[in-house]
C-alpha cells in the first residue's frame, strides 16, 4: 500500500556553489512563480513511494539526455541511415540548446532549498527541465524517424502527434517534480524549449 508524504524522507537544505560563469535565477521570477510551483510540487509529491517512484525514476532514465548518445550509432548499426542522420543533427542541437541555460543560470532544485522531498539529489541547476525538453524532442524524433524509414505508411498527422508529445511531456514533468528535481515552472519552460528545438 502506497503511503503519502513519507516521513523517512527529510527535507534538507543543500545548495552547491555556483561556478563563476553562472548567474542566480532572477528572484523576480522565483517570487512570482513560487505559489504555483509550491502548490504543484505538493500535489505531485503526495505519493513518494512504491509504483509512483518506480514510474518517476524509470521515466527519468529514458528521458535523460545521455540516452541521445546511443541513438544515432544504434540506428546506423541497424541500417536506418536516414533516421540516424536526422537524429544526429537534431540531438546535437538539443544537446547545445538544453545545456546553455543550465550552464549560465543557476536555480537551486526544490529539494536543495527544502521545498520538496529529496528522492533524487541532482546537484545541477534546476532551470530548465532538460528531461522535459528531451521528452518533446525524443517523441517528435521517433515519429519522424519512423516515417523517414517508411516503417509507418504516412507521416503522423500533427493533430495526432502533438497531443502524444504533450502527454509524454506531462508524464515526464510529473516524474521530475515527483522526485524533487524540478519546479513545475522548470517543466513548462522545458516544454517550450523542446518545441523550439
C-alpha atoms as a PDB file:
ATOM      1  CA  UNK A   1       0.000   0.000   0.000  1.00  0.00           C
ATOM      2  CA  UNK A   2       1.458   3.342  -1.042  1.00  0.00           C
ATOM      3  CA  UNK A   3       1.639   5.971   1.624  1.00  0.00           C
ATOM      4  CA  UNK A   4       1.535   9.709   1.392  1.00  0.00           C
ATOM      5  CA  UNK A   5       4.415  12.016   2.304  1.00  0.00           C
ATOM      6  CA  UNK A   6       6.912   9.557   3.690  1.00  0.00           C
ATOM      7  CA  UNK A   7       8.360  10.845   6.942  1.00  0.00           C
ATOM      8  CA  UNK A   8      11.564   8.898   6.280  1.00  0.00           C
ATOM      9  CA  UNK A   9      12.427  11.495   3.625  1.00  0.00           C
ATOM     10  CA  UNK A  10      13.776  14.502   5.441  1.00  0.00           C
ATOM     11  CA  UNK A  11      13.764  17.860   3.753  1.00  0.00           C
ATOM     12  CA  UNK A  12      17.272  19.209   3.546  1.00  0.00           C
ATOM     13  CA  UNK A  13      18.942  22.408   2.554  1.00  0.00           C
ATOM     14  CA  UNK A  14      21.953  21.998   0.299  1.00  0.00           C
ATOM     15  CA  UNK A  15      22.948  24.477  -2.378  1.00  0.00           C
ATOM     16  CA  UNK A  16      26.199  23.773  -4.207  1.00  0.00           C
ATOM     17  CA  UNK A  17      28.351  26.777  -5.047  1.00  0.00           C
ATOM     18  CA  UNK A  18      27.718  28.330  -8.445  1.00  0.00           C
ATOM     19  CA  UNK A  19      30.515  28.458 -10.967  1.00  0.00           C
ATOM     20  CA  UNK A  20      31.923  31.858 -11.786  1.00  0.00           C
ATOM     21  CA  UNK A  21      30.007  31.856 -15.078  1.00  0.00           C
ATOM     22  CA  UNK A  22      26.615  31.146 -13.531  1.00  0.00           C
ATOM     23  CA  UNK A  23      24.152  33.838 -12.620  1.00  0.00           C
ATOM     24  CA  UNK A  24      21.462  33.301  -9.980  1.00  0.00           C
ATOM     25  CA  UNK A  25      17.939  32.670 -11.197  1.00  0.00           C
ATOM     26  CA  UNK A  26      16.104  36.051 -11.111  1.00  0.00           C
ATOM     27  CA  UNK A  27      14.352  36.484  -7.762  1.00  0.00           C
ATOM     28  CA  UNK A  28      11.529  38.361  -9.512  1.00  0.00           C
ATOM     29  CA  UNK A  29      10.529  35.179 -11.356  1.00  0.00           C
ATOM     30  CA  UNK A  30      11.229  32.960  -8.356  1.00  0.00           C
ATOM     31  CA  UNK A  31       8.868  35.021  -6.181  1.00  0.00           C
ATOM     32  CA  UNK A  32       6.257  35.316  -8.924  1.00  0.00           C
ATOM     33  CA  UNK A  33       6.179  31.569  -9.651  1.00  0.00           C
ATOM     34  CA  UNK A  34       6.609  30.322  -6.043  1.00  0.00           C
ATOM     35  CA  UNK A  35       2.876  29.929  -5.220  1.00  0.00           C
ATOM     36  CA  UNK A  36       2.259  27.975  -8.447  1.00  0.00           C
ATOM     37  CA  UNK A  37       5.430  25.902  -8.036  1.00  0.00           C
ATOM     38  CA  UNK A  38       4.936  25.070  -4.360  1.00  0.00           C
ATOM     39  CA  UNK A  39       1.294  24.066  -4.799  1.00  0.00           C
ATOM     40  CA  UNK A  40       2.046  21.706  -7.675  1.00  0.00           C
ATOM     41  CA  UNK A  41       5.153  20.252  -6.012  1.00  0.00           C
ATOM     42  CA  UNK A  42       2.960  19.394  -3.033  1.00  0.00           C
ATOM     43  CA  UNK A  43       0.377  17.686  -5.268  1.00  0.00           C
ATOM     44  CA  UNK A  44       2.968  15.802  -7.331  1.00  0.00           C
ATOM     45  CA  UNK A  45       4.764  14.621  -4.193  1.00  0.00           C
ATOM     46  CA  UNK A  46       1.622  13.451  -2.413  1.00  0.00           C
ATOM     47  CA  UNK A  47       2.841   9.917  -3.189  1.00  0.00           C
ATOM     48  CA  UNK A  48       6.563   9.351  -2.973  1.00  0.00           C
ATOM     49  CA  UNK A  49       6.825   5.591  -2.690  1.00  0.00           C
ATOM     50  CA  UNK A  50       6.010   2.351  -4.477  1.00  0.00           C
ATOM     51  CA  UNK A  51       4.999   2.317  -8.107  1.00  0.00           C
ATOM     52  CA  UNK A  52       4.870   6.126  -8.342  1.00  0.00           C
ATOM     53  CA  UNK A  53       8.581   6.485  -7.606  1.00  0.00           C
ATOM     54  CA  UNK A  54       9.364   3.487  -9.829  1.00  0.00           C
ATOM     55  CA  UNK A  55       7.431   5.185 -12.653  1.00  0.00           C
ATOM     56  CA  UNK A  56       9.180   8.504 -12.000  1.00  0.00           C
ATOM     57  CA  UNK A  57      12.712   7.095 -11.895  1.00  0.00           C
ATOM     58  CA  UNK A  58      12.115   4.915 -14.980  1.00  0.00           C
ATOM     59  CA  UNK A  59      10.799   7.857 -16.989  1.00  0.00           C
ATOM     60  CA  UNK A  60      13.712   9.963 -15.734  1.00  0.00           C
ATOM     61  CA  UNK A  61      16.116   7.327 -17.082  1.00  0.00           C
ATOM     62  CA  UNK A  62      14.516   7.204 -20.532  1.00  0.00           C
ATOM     63  CA  UNK A  63      14.376  10.992 -20.902  1.00  0.00           C
ATOM     64  CA  UNK A  64      17.974  11.619 -19.831  1.00  0.00           C
ATOM     65  CA  UNK A  65      19.995  13.474 -22.445  1.00  0.00           C
ATOM     66  CA  UNK A  66      22.688  10.818 -22.162  1.00  0.00           C
ATOM     67  CA  UNK A  67      20.319   8.368 -23.907  1.00  0.00           C
ATOM     68  CA  UNK A  68      20.722  10.501 -27.030  1.00  0.00           C
ATOM     69  CA  UNK A  69      24.368   9.454 -27.287  1.00  0.00           C
ATOM     70  CA  UNK A  70      23.427   5.893 -28.266  1.00  0.00           C
ATOM     71  CA  UNK A  71      20.544   6.644 -30.635  1.00  0.00           C
ATOM     72  CA  UNK A  72      22.393   7.650 -33.859  1.00  0.00           C
ATOM     73  CA  UNK A  73      25.051   4.877 -33.708  1.00  0.00           C
ATOM     74  CA  UNK A  74      22.356   2.296 -32.941  1.00  0.00           C
ATOM     75  CA  UNK A  75      20.263   3.442 -35.898  1.00  0.00           C
ATOM     76  CA  UNK A  76      23.324   3.370 -38.196  1.00  0.00           C
ATOM     77  CA  UNK A  77      24.153  -0.158 -36.981  1.00  0.00           C
ATOM     78  CA  UNK A  78      20.587  -1.257 -37.737  1.00  0.00           C
ATOM     79  CA  UNK A  79      20.801   0.198 -41.263  1.00  0.00           C
ATOM     80  CA  UNK A  80      18.470   3.146 -40.696  1.00  0.00           C
ATOM     81  CA  UNK A  81      20.885   5.721 -42.096  1.00  0.00           C
ATOM     82  CA  UNK A  82      18.355   8.464 -42.881  1.00  0.00           C
ATOM     83  CA  UNK A  83      16.850   8.297 -39.397  1.00  0.00           C
ATOM     84  CA  UNK A  84      20.348   8.211 -37.855  1.00  0.00           C
ATOM     85  CA  UNK A  85      21.339  11.349 -39.762  1.00  0.00           C
ATOM     86  CA  UNK A  86      18.184  13.185 -38.693  1.00  0.00           C
ATOM     87  CA  UNK A  87      18.607  12.081 -35.084  1.00  0.00           C
ATOM     88  CA  UNK A  88      22.281  13.009 -35.014  1.00  0.00           C
ATOM     89  CA  UNK A  89      21.567  16.533 -36.268  1.00  0.00           C
ATOM     90  CA  UNK A  90      18.578  17.189 -34.020  1.00  0.00           C
ATOM     91  CA  UNK A  91      20.234  15.673 -30.953  1.00  0.00           C
ATOM     92  CA  UNK A  92      23.326  17.834 -31.463  1.00  0.00           C
ATOM     93  CA  UNK A  93      21.114  20.929 -31.416  1.00  0.00           C
ATOM     94  CA  UNK A  94      19.247  19.511 -28.411  1.00  0.00           C
ATOM     95  CA  UNK A  95      22.484  18.995 -26.500  1.00  0.00           C
ATOM     96  CA  UNK A  96      23.668  22.539 -27.107  1.00  0.00           C
ATOM     97  CA  UNK A  97      20.335  24.322 -26.603  1.00  0.00           C
ATOM     98  CA  UNK A  98      19.381  22.422 -23.451  1.00  0.00           C
ATOM     99  CA  UNK A  99      22.788  22.920 -21.823  1.00  0.00           C
ATOM    100  CA  UNK A 100      23.169  26.677 -22.313  1.00  0.00           C
ATOM    101  CA  UNK A 101      20.576  27.788 -19.723  1.00  0.00           C
ATOM    102  CA  UNK A 102      21.850  25.231 -17.175  1.00  0.00           C
ATOM    103  CA  UNK A 103      25.443  26.392 -17.554  1.00  0.00           C
ATOM    104  CA  UNK A 104      24.734  30.097 -17.178  1.00  0.00           C
ATOM    105  CA  UNK A 105      21.670  30.348 -14.914  1.00  0.00           C
ATOM    106  CA  UNK A 106      21.635  28.567 -11.576  1.00  0.00           C
ATOM    107  CA  UNK A 107      18.335  27.808  -9.904  1.00  0.00           C
ATOM    108  CA  UNK A 108      18.546  25.540  -6.854  1.00  0.00           C
ATOM    109  CA  UNK A 109      16.495  22.383  -7.183  1.00  0.00           C
ATOM    110  CA  UNK A 110      13.411  22.208  -4.933  1.00  0.00           C
ATOM    111  CA  UNK A 111      14.953  19.604  -2.628  1.00  0.00           C
ATOM    112  CA  UNK A 112      18.041  21.806  -2.147  1.00  0.00           C
ATOM    113  CA  UNK A 113      16.013  24.596  -0.554  1.00  0.00           C
ATOM    114  CA  UNK A 114      13.583  22.421   1.413  1.00  0.00           C
ATOM    115  CA  UNK A 115      10.690  22.953  -0.984  1.00  0.00           C
ATOM    116  CA  UNK A 116      10.427  19.249  -1.916  1.00  0.00           C
ATOM    117  CA  UNK A 117      11.157  15.802  -0.569  1.00  0.00           C
ATOM    118  CA  UNK A 118      14.550  14.700  -1.938  1.00  0.00           C
ATOM    119  CA  UNK A 119      14.017  11.475  -3.877  1.00  0.00           C
ATOM    120  CA  UNK A 120      16.731  12.211  -6.471  1.00  0.00           C
ATOM    121  CA  UNK A 121      19.509  14.502  -5.359  1.00  0.00           C
ATOM    122  CA  UNK A 122      20.641  16.005  -8.653  1.00  0.00           C
ATOM    123  CA  UNK A 123      23.034  18.879  -7.942  1.00  0.00           C
ATOM    124  CA  UNK A 124      22.956  20.793 -11.213  1.00  0.00           C
ATOM    125  CA  UNK A 125      20.714  23.768 -11.951  1.00  0.00           C
ATOM    126  CA  UNK A 126      17.006  23.090 -11.922  1.00  0.00           C
ATOM    127  CA  UNK A 127      16.328  25.504 -14.784  1.00  0.00           C
ATOM    128  CA  UNK A 128      15.030  24.357 -17.266  1.00  0.00           C
ATOM    129  CA  UNK A 129      13.873  20.734 -17.102  1.00  0.00           C
ATOM    130  CA  UNK A 130      16.150  19.053 -19.619  1.00  0.00           C
ATOM    131  CA  UNK A 131      14.155  15.812 -19.236  1.00  0.00           C
ATOM    132  CA  UNK A 132      11.013  17.550 -20.495  1.00  0.00           C
ATOM    133  CA  UNK A 133      12.989  19.083 -23.376  1.00  0.00           C
ATOM    134  CA  UNK A 134      14.163  15.552 -24.221  1.00  0.00           C
ATOM    135  CA  UNK A 135      10.638  14.121 -23.888  1.00  0.00           C
ATOM    136  CA  UNK A 136       9.376  16.563 -26.513  1.00  0.00           C
ATOM    137  CA  UNK A 137      12.320  16.078 -28.872  1.00  0.00           C
ATOM    138  CA  UNK A 138      12.516  12.279 -28.475  1.00  0.00           C
ATOM    139  CA  UNK A 139       8.769  11.901 -29.185  1.00  0.00           C
ATOM    140  CA  UNK A 140       8.971  14.064 -32.288  1.00  0.00           C
ATOM    141  CA  UNK A 141      12.119  12.291 -33.470  1.00  0.00           C
ATOM    142  CA  UNK A 142      10.558   8.858 -33.068  1.00  0.00           C
ATOM    143  CA  UNK A 143       7.578   9.815 -35.229  1.00  0.00           C
ATOM    144  CA  UNK A 144       9.743  11.488 -37.867  1.00  0.00           C
ATOM    145  CA  UNK A 145      12.246   8.617 -37.960  1.00  0.00           C
ATOM    146  CA  UNK A 146       9.525   6.001 -38.402  1.00  0.00           C
ATOM    147  CA  UNK A 147       8.084   7.957 -41.322  1.00  0.00           C
ATOM    148  CA  UNK A 148      11.508   8.678 -42.837  1.00  0.00           C
ATOM    149  CA  UNK A 149      12.418   4.995 -42.850  1.00  0.00           C
ATOM    150  CA  UNK A 150       8.959   4.016 -44.163  1.00  0.00           C
ATOM    151  CA  UNK A 151       8.210   1.983 -41.050  1.00  0.00           C
ATOM    152  CA  UNK A 152       4.855   3.692 -40.910  1.00  0.00           C
ATOM    153  CA  UNK A 153       2.885   4.345 -44.052  1.00  0.00           C
ATOM    154  CA  UNK A 154       2.456   8.093 -43.722  1.00  0.00           C
ATOM    155  CA  UNK A 155       3.888  10.828 -41.539  1.00  0.00           C
ATOM    156  CA  UNK A 156       1.995  11.163 -38.273  1.00  0.00           C
ATOM    157  CA  UNK A 157      -0.547  13.986 -38.645  1.00  0.00           C
ATOM    158  CA  UNK A 158       0.118  16.933 -36.307  1.00  0.00           C
ATOM    159  CA  UNK A 159      -3.377  16.563 -34.829  1.00  0.00           C
ATOM    160  CA  UNK A 160      -2.269  13.147 -33.528  1.00  0.00           C
ATOM    161  CA  UNK A 161       1.427  13.823 -32.956  1.00  0.00           C
ATOM    162  CA  UNK A 162       1.213  16.930 -30.771  1.00  0.00           C
ATOM    163  CA  UNK A 163      -1.253  15.501 -28.227  1.00  0.00           C
ATOM    164  CA  UNK A 164       1.039  12.452 -27.862  1.00  0.00           C
ATOM    165  CA  UNK A 165       4.076  14.710 -27.407  1.00  0.00           C
ATOM    166  CA  UNK A 166       2.169  16.820 -24.879  1.00  0.00           C
ATOM    167  CA  UNK A 167       1.088  13.747 -22.866  1.00  0.00           C
ATOM    168  CA  UNK A 168       4.619  12.307 -22.806  1.00  0.00           C
ATOM    169  CA  UNK A 169       5.973  15.699 -21.713  1.00  0.00           C
ATOM    170  CA  UNK A 170       3.320  15.931 -18.969  1.00  0.00           C
ATOM    171  CA  UNK A 171       4.190  12.451 -17.634  1.00  0.00           C
ATOM    172  CA  UNK A 172       7.853  13.423 -17.663  1.00  0.00           C
ATOM    173  CA  UNK A 173       7.113  16.717 -15.916  1.00  0.00           C
ATOM    174  CA  UNK A 174       5.196  14.855 -13.209  1.00  0.00           C
ATOM    175  CA  UNK A 175       8.072  12.387 -12.822  1.00  0.00           C
ATOM    176  CA  UNK A 176      10.698  15.107 -12.398  1.00  0.00           C
ATOM    177  CA  UNK A 177       8.553  17.067  -9.940  1.00  0.00           C
ATOM    178  CA  UNK A 178       7.715  13.873  -8.040  1.00  0.00           C
ATOM    179  CA  UNK A 179      11.389  13.080  -7.391  1.00  0.00           C
ATOM    180  CA  UNK A 180      12.051  16.636  -6.165  1.00  0.00           C
ATOM    181  CA  UNK A 181      14.302  17.531  -9.093  1.00  0.00           C
ATOM    182  CA  UNK A 182      12.249  20.317 -10.687  1.00  0.00           C
ATOM    183  CA  UNK A 183       9.696  23.011 -10.123  1.00  0.00           C
ATOM    184  CA  UNK A 184       6.616  22.988 -12.377  1.00  0.00           C
ATOM    185  CA  UNK A 185       7.802  26.248 -13.948  1.00  0.00           C
ATOM    186  CA  UNK A 186      11.041  24.475 -14.997  1.00  0.00           C
ATOM    187  CA  UNK A 187       8.979  21.848 -16.799  1.00  0.00           C
ATOM    188  CA  UNK A 188       6.797  24.418 -18.579  1.00  0.00           C
ATOM    189  CA  UNK A 189       9.901  26.221 -19.805  1.00  0.00           C
ATOM    190  CA  UNK A 190      11.416  22.854 -20.768  1.00  0.00           C
ATOM    191  CA  UNK A 191       8.352  22.084 -22.889  1.00  0.00           C
ATOM    192  CA  UNK A 192       8.649  25.438 -24.665  1.00  0.00           C
ATOM    193  CA  UNK A 193      12.357  24.912 -25.257  1.00  0.00           C
ATOM    194  CA  UNK A 194      11.698  21.390 -26.579  1.00  0.00           C
ATOM    195  CA  UNK A 195       9.170  22.768 -29.077  1.00  0.00           C
ATOM    196  CA  UNK A 196      11.752  25.301 -30.264  1.00  0.00           C
ATOM    197  CA  UNK A 197      14.389  22.607 -30.820  1.00  0.00           C
END
